[in-house]
């Protein structure tokens, strides 16, 4: 089943490019809105899995929309990614303090936007315990829905953050992630942690699951290997 994304963007070219990029894998369905009023009306009828919100709209301000969504019980936990040309630290702080989960500045990379959207959806799935996928090899079993890890049939206790890091690396299906990508995908933009935090959590995962589970790619980052 595809995830539903509401995109609030008054530039038709940007809206088309973003929708096309996100829908290409058929994992996401995008519904676009050019005005805040029609977006709020749609939210009263259907709650999406994620909202991408431009701050500068012809009929209202995206910050106002964000504040409105966080005040409604039905939309209080819907992840919001702000997509805007406002790049100052003050704008970022304001957006995040009002309840946005991530903040991406224009001009932006479509690949980065897609990665951030999927990272937000994964985090919500972990927090809600929503069944996603299972990973299993000859020694390791990771259940993304039950937040359960077994090594050689024995349960391994991971903190929420450790589990999120492990599942993020698994979800990359053999691709390498650098430290900043891991921070964005696991901790989020608002976390305020540095790259050494990633290294510390990788060391903990290796201690609990074995040194070979996560591979260091020198000069690049980390890759999940598991136990082939």
Protein backbone atom coordinates (compact mmCIF):
# COMPACT_ATOMS: atom_id res chain seq x y z
CA UNK A 1 0.00 0.00 0.00
CA UNK A 2 1.43 3.40 -0.99
CA UNK A 3 1.91 6.20 1.52
CA UNK A 4 -0.04 9.43 0.98
CA UNK A 5 1.82 12.73 0.78
CA UNK A 6 0.16 16.16 0.66
CA UNK A 7 2.36 18.73 -1.08
CA UNK A 8 1.52 22.40 -0.51
CA UNK A 9 3.43 24.37 -3.17
CA UNK A 10 2.18 27.26 -5.30
CA UNK A 11 4.89 26.95 -7.96
CA UNK A 12 3.43 24.46 -10.48
CA UNK A 13 6.83 23.50 -11.90
CA UNK A 14 8.25 22.64 -8.48
CA UNK A 15 5.06 20.79 -7.53
CA UNK A 16 5.20 18.71 -10.71
CA UNK A 17 8.89 17.85 -10.29
CA UNK A 18 8.47 16.85 -6.66
CA UNK A 19 5.34 14.77 -7.31
CA UNK A 20 6.95 12.99 -10.25
CA UNK A 21 10.08 12.18 -8.24
CA UNK A 22 8.22 10.86 -5.19
CA UNK A 23 5.73 8.80 -7.19
CA UNK A 24 8.24 7.10 -9.46
CA UNK A 25 8.86 4.19 -7.06
CA UNK A 26 5.09 3.69 -6.59
CA UNK A 27 5.65 3.69 -2.82
CA UNK A 28 4.17 7.19 -2.49
CA UNK A 29 1.06 8.94 -3.79
CA UNK A 30 1.23 12.73 -3.95
CA UNK A 31 -1.67 15.17 -3.87
CA UNK A 32 -0.75 18.80 -4.57
CA UNK A 33 -2.27 22.06 -3.36
CA UNK A 34 -1.44 25.60 -4.46
CA UNK A 35 -3.30 27.37 -1.65
CA UNK A 36 -3.47 26.89 2.08
CA UNK A 37 -7.25 27.05 2.28
CA UNK A 38 -7.85 24.12 -0.07
CA UNK A 39 -5.15 22.16 1.74
CA UNK A 40 -6.85 22.63 5.13
CA UNK A 41 -10.19 21.62 3.64
CA UNK A 42 -8.63 18.43 2.30
CA UNK A 43 -7.03 17.72 5.68
CA UNK A 44 -10.47 17.73 7.29
CA UNK A 45 -11.52 14.92 4.94
CA UNK A 46 -8.33 12.86 4.72
CA UNK A 47 -5.21 12.70 6.87
CA UNK A 48 -2.05 11.91 4.86
CA UNK A 49 1.04 10.09 6.04
CA UNK A 50 3.23 13.17 5.52
CA UNK A 51 2.96 16.85 4.57
CA UNK A 52 5.48 18.85 2.51
CA UNK A 53 4.79 22.48 3.22
CA UNK A 54 6.01 25.61 1.44
CA UNK A 55 6.13 28.65 3.72
CA UNK A 56 5.29 31.35 1.15
CA UNK A 57 1.79 30.85 -0.23
CA UNK A 58 -0.58 33.29 -1.98
CA UNK A 59 -3.32 33.14 0.65
CA UNK A 60 -1.52 32.34 3.91
CA UNK A 61 1.80 31.61 5.56
CA UNK A 62 3.10 28.08 5.89
CA UNK A 63 4.00 28.70 9.52
CA UNK A 64 0.34 29.41 10.21
CA UNK A 65 -0.63 26.15 8.53
CA UNK A 66 1.94 24.26 10.57
CA UNK A 67 0.62 25.78 13.79
CA UNK A 68 -2.93 24.87 12.73
CA UNK A 69 -2.06 21.23 12.03
CA UNK A 70 -0.33 20.85 15.37
CA UNK A 71 -3.42 22.19 17.14
CA UNK A 72 -5.75 19.55 15.64
CA UNK A 73 -5.93 16.22 17.43
CA UNK A 74 -6.16 14.24 14.17
CA UNK A 75 -3.09 15.87 12.60
CA UNK A 76 -0.94 16.51 15.66
CA UNK A 77 1.51 13.70 14.84
CA UNK A 78 1.55 13.92 11.03
CA UNK A 79 5.18 14.53 9.99
CA UNK A 80 5.77 17.91 8.33
CA UNK A 81 8.69 18.76 6.06
CA UNK A 82 9.03 22.47 5.36
CA UNK A 83 10.26 23.31 1.86
CA UNK A 84 11.12 26.97 1.50
CA UNK A 85 13.47 29.65 0.20
CA UNK A 86 13.79 31.08 3.73
CA UNK A 87 17.28 29.99 4.74
CA UNK A 88 18.11 31.98 7.87
CA UNK A 89 18.74 30.26 11.19
CA UNK A 90 15.84 32.20 12.71
CA UNK A 91 13.43 30.83 10.09
CA UNK A 92 14.64 27.28 10.71
CA UNK A 93 14.29 27.65 14.47
CA UNK A 94 10.80 29.13 14.12
CA UNK A 95 9.63 26.35 11.79
CA UNK A 96 11.00 23.57 13.98
CA UNK A 97 9.68 25.13 17.18
CA UNK A 98 6.19 25.25 15.68
CA UNK A 99 6.28 21.51 15.10
CA UNK A 100 7.96 20.87 11.75
CA UNK A 101 9.97 17.65 11.69
CA UNK A 102 12.42 18.69 8.99
CA UNK A 103 13.38 21.80 7.00
CA UNK A 104 14.79 21.86 3.45
CA UNK A 105 15.88 25.06 1.73
CA UNK A 106 15.32 25.91 -1.94
CA UNK A 107 17.01 25.32 -4.30
CA UNK A 108 17.17 21.68 -3.27
CA UNK A 109 18.11 18.29 -4.62
CA UNK A 110 15.18 16.04 -5.54
CA UNK A 111 17.22 13.05 -4.39
CA UNK A 112 17.77 14.64 -0.97
CA UNK A 113 14.09 15.55 -0.68
CA UNK A 114 13.08 11.97 -1.47
CA UNK A 115 15.57 10.62 1.08
CA UNK A 116 14.30 12.97 3.79
CA UNK A 117 10.65 12.08 3.07
CA UNK A 118 11.36 8.37 3.33
CA UNK A 119 13.44 8.87 6.48
CA UNK A 120 10.58 10.74 8.14
CA UNK A 121 8.12 8.01 7.19
CA UNK A 122 10.45 5.35 8.61
CA UNK A 123 10.80 7.23 11.89
CA UNK A 124 7.03 7.52 12.23
CA UNK A 125 6.67 3.81 11.54
CA UNK A 126 9.17 3.01 14.30
CA UNK A 127 7.53 5.37 16.78
CA UNK A 128 4.07 3.95 16.13
CA UNK A 129 5.20 0.37 15.89
CA UNK A 130 3.69 0.12 12.42
CA UNK A 131 4.55 -3.18 10.70
CA UNK A 132 7.00 -2.59 7.88
CA UNK A 133 9.49 -5.25 6.84
CA UNK A 134 11.65 -7.96 8.32
CA UNK A 135 15.30 -8.55 7.73
CA UNK A 136 16.72 -12.04 8.27
CA UNK A 137 20.02 -13.73 7.53
CA UNK A 138 21.75 -16.83 8.93
CA UNK A 139 22.33 -15.27 12.36
CA UNK A 140 20.32 -12.04 12.61
CA UNK A 141 16.58 -11.33 12.57
CA UNK A 142 15.30 -7.75 12.71
CA UNK A 143 11.54 -7.13 12.88
CA UNK A 144 10.76 -3.53 11.90
CA UNK A 145 7.19 -3.67 13.19
CA UNK A 146 7.78 -5.33 16.55
CA UNK A 147 11.07 -3.49 17.13
CA UNK A 148 12.63 -6.88 17.87
CA UNK A 149 16.17 -8.12 17.25
CA UNK A 150 17.37 -11.72 17.57
CA UNK A 151 20.99 -12.84 17.22
CA UNK A 152 21.41 -16.61 16.95
CA UNK A 153 17.84 -16.91 18.21
CA UNK A 154 18.50 -14.87 21.35
CA UNK A 155 16.90 -11.46 21.93
CA UNK A 156 19.21 -8.44 21.82
CA UNK A 157 18.18 -5.27 23.64
CA UNK A 158 18.61 -2.14 21.55
CA UNK A 159 17.55 1.34 22.52
CA UNK A 160 15.09 3.08 20.21
CA UNK A 161 17.90 5.10 18.68
CA UNK A 162 20.09 2.05 18.17
CA UNK A 163 17.22 0.21 16.51
CA UNK A 164 16.48 3.21 14.29
CA UNK A 165 20.12 3.36 13.23
CA UNK A 166 20.23 -0.37 12.48
CA UNK A 167 17.00 -0.29 10.49
CA UNK A 168 18.09 2.82 8.58
CA UNK A 169 21.26 1.05 7.44
CA UNK A 170 19.34 -2.12 6.57
CA UNK A 171 16.84 -0.11 4.51
CA UNK A 172 19.66 1.20 2.28
CA UNK A 173 20.04 -2.35 0.89
CA UNK A 174 23.82 -2.38 0.73
CA UNK A 175 24.37 1.28 -0.14
CA UNK A 176 26.85 3.36 1.84
CA UNK A 177 25.63 6.27 3.99
CA UNK A 178 27.89 9.06 5.19
CA UNK A 179 27.61 10.42 8.71
CA UNK A 180 25.48 13.43 7.74
CA UNK A 181 22.99 11.23 5.88
CA UNK A 182 22.74 9.00 8.93
CA UNK A 183 22.20 12.00 11.21
CA UNK A 184 19.42 13.31 8.95
CA UNK A 185 17.77 9.91 8.62
CA UNK A 186 17.95 8.77 12.24
CA UNK A 187 18.27 11.85 14.46
CA UNK A 188 16.62 14.45 12.22
CA UNK A 189 17.47 18.06 11.50
CA UNK A 190 16.38 19.34 14.91
CA UNK A 191 18.53 16.99 16.97
CA UNK A 192 21.60 19.27 17.30
CA UNK A 193 24.10 16.40 17.53
CA UNK A 194 27.44 16.07 15.76
CA UNK A 195 28.89 13.33 13.59
CA UNK A 196 30.81 11.72 16.44
CA UNK A 197 27.45 10.59 17.82
CA UNK A 198 27.05 8.34 14.77
CA UNK A 199 30.44 6.72 15.42
CA UNK A 200 29.57 6.07 19.06
CA UNK A 201 26.27 4.37 18.16
CA UNK A 202 27.97 2.27 15.46
CA UNK A 203 30.44 1.03 18.09
CA UNK A 204 27.54 0.07 20.35
CA UNK A 205 25.78 -1.83 17.56
CA UNK A 206 28.97 -3.75 16.80
CA UNK A 207 29.42 -4.61 20.47
CA UNK A 208 25.88 -6.03 20.64
CA UNK A 209 25.63 -7.64 17.18
CA UNK A 210 29.23 -8.35 16.13
CA UNK A 211 31.94 -6.27 14.51
CA UNK A 212 31.17 -7.50 11.00
CA UNK A 213 27.51 -6.38 10.99
CA UNK A 214 28.33 -2.78 10.01
CA UNK A 215 31.21 -2.14 7.62
CA UNK A 216 33.29 1.04 7.64
CA UNK A 217 33.94 2.35 4.12
CA UNK A 218 37.03 4.51 4.59
CA UNK A 219 36.57 8.12 3.63
CA UNK A 220 32.85 7.63 2.94
CA UNK A 221 30.76 6.24 5.79
CA UNK A 222 29.05 3.03 6.85
CA UNK A 223 27.28 0.10 5.19
CA UNK A 224 25.18 -2.70 6.69
CA UNK A 225 26.57 -6.16 5.93
CA UNK A 226 24.74 -8.52 8.26
CA UNK A 227 25.73 -12.19 8.39
CA UNK A 228 25.62 -13.60 4.82
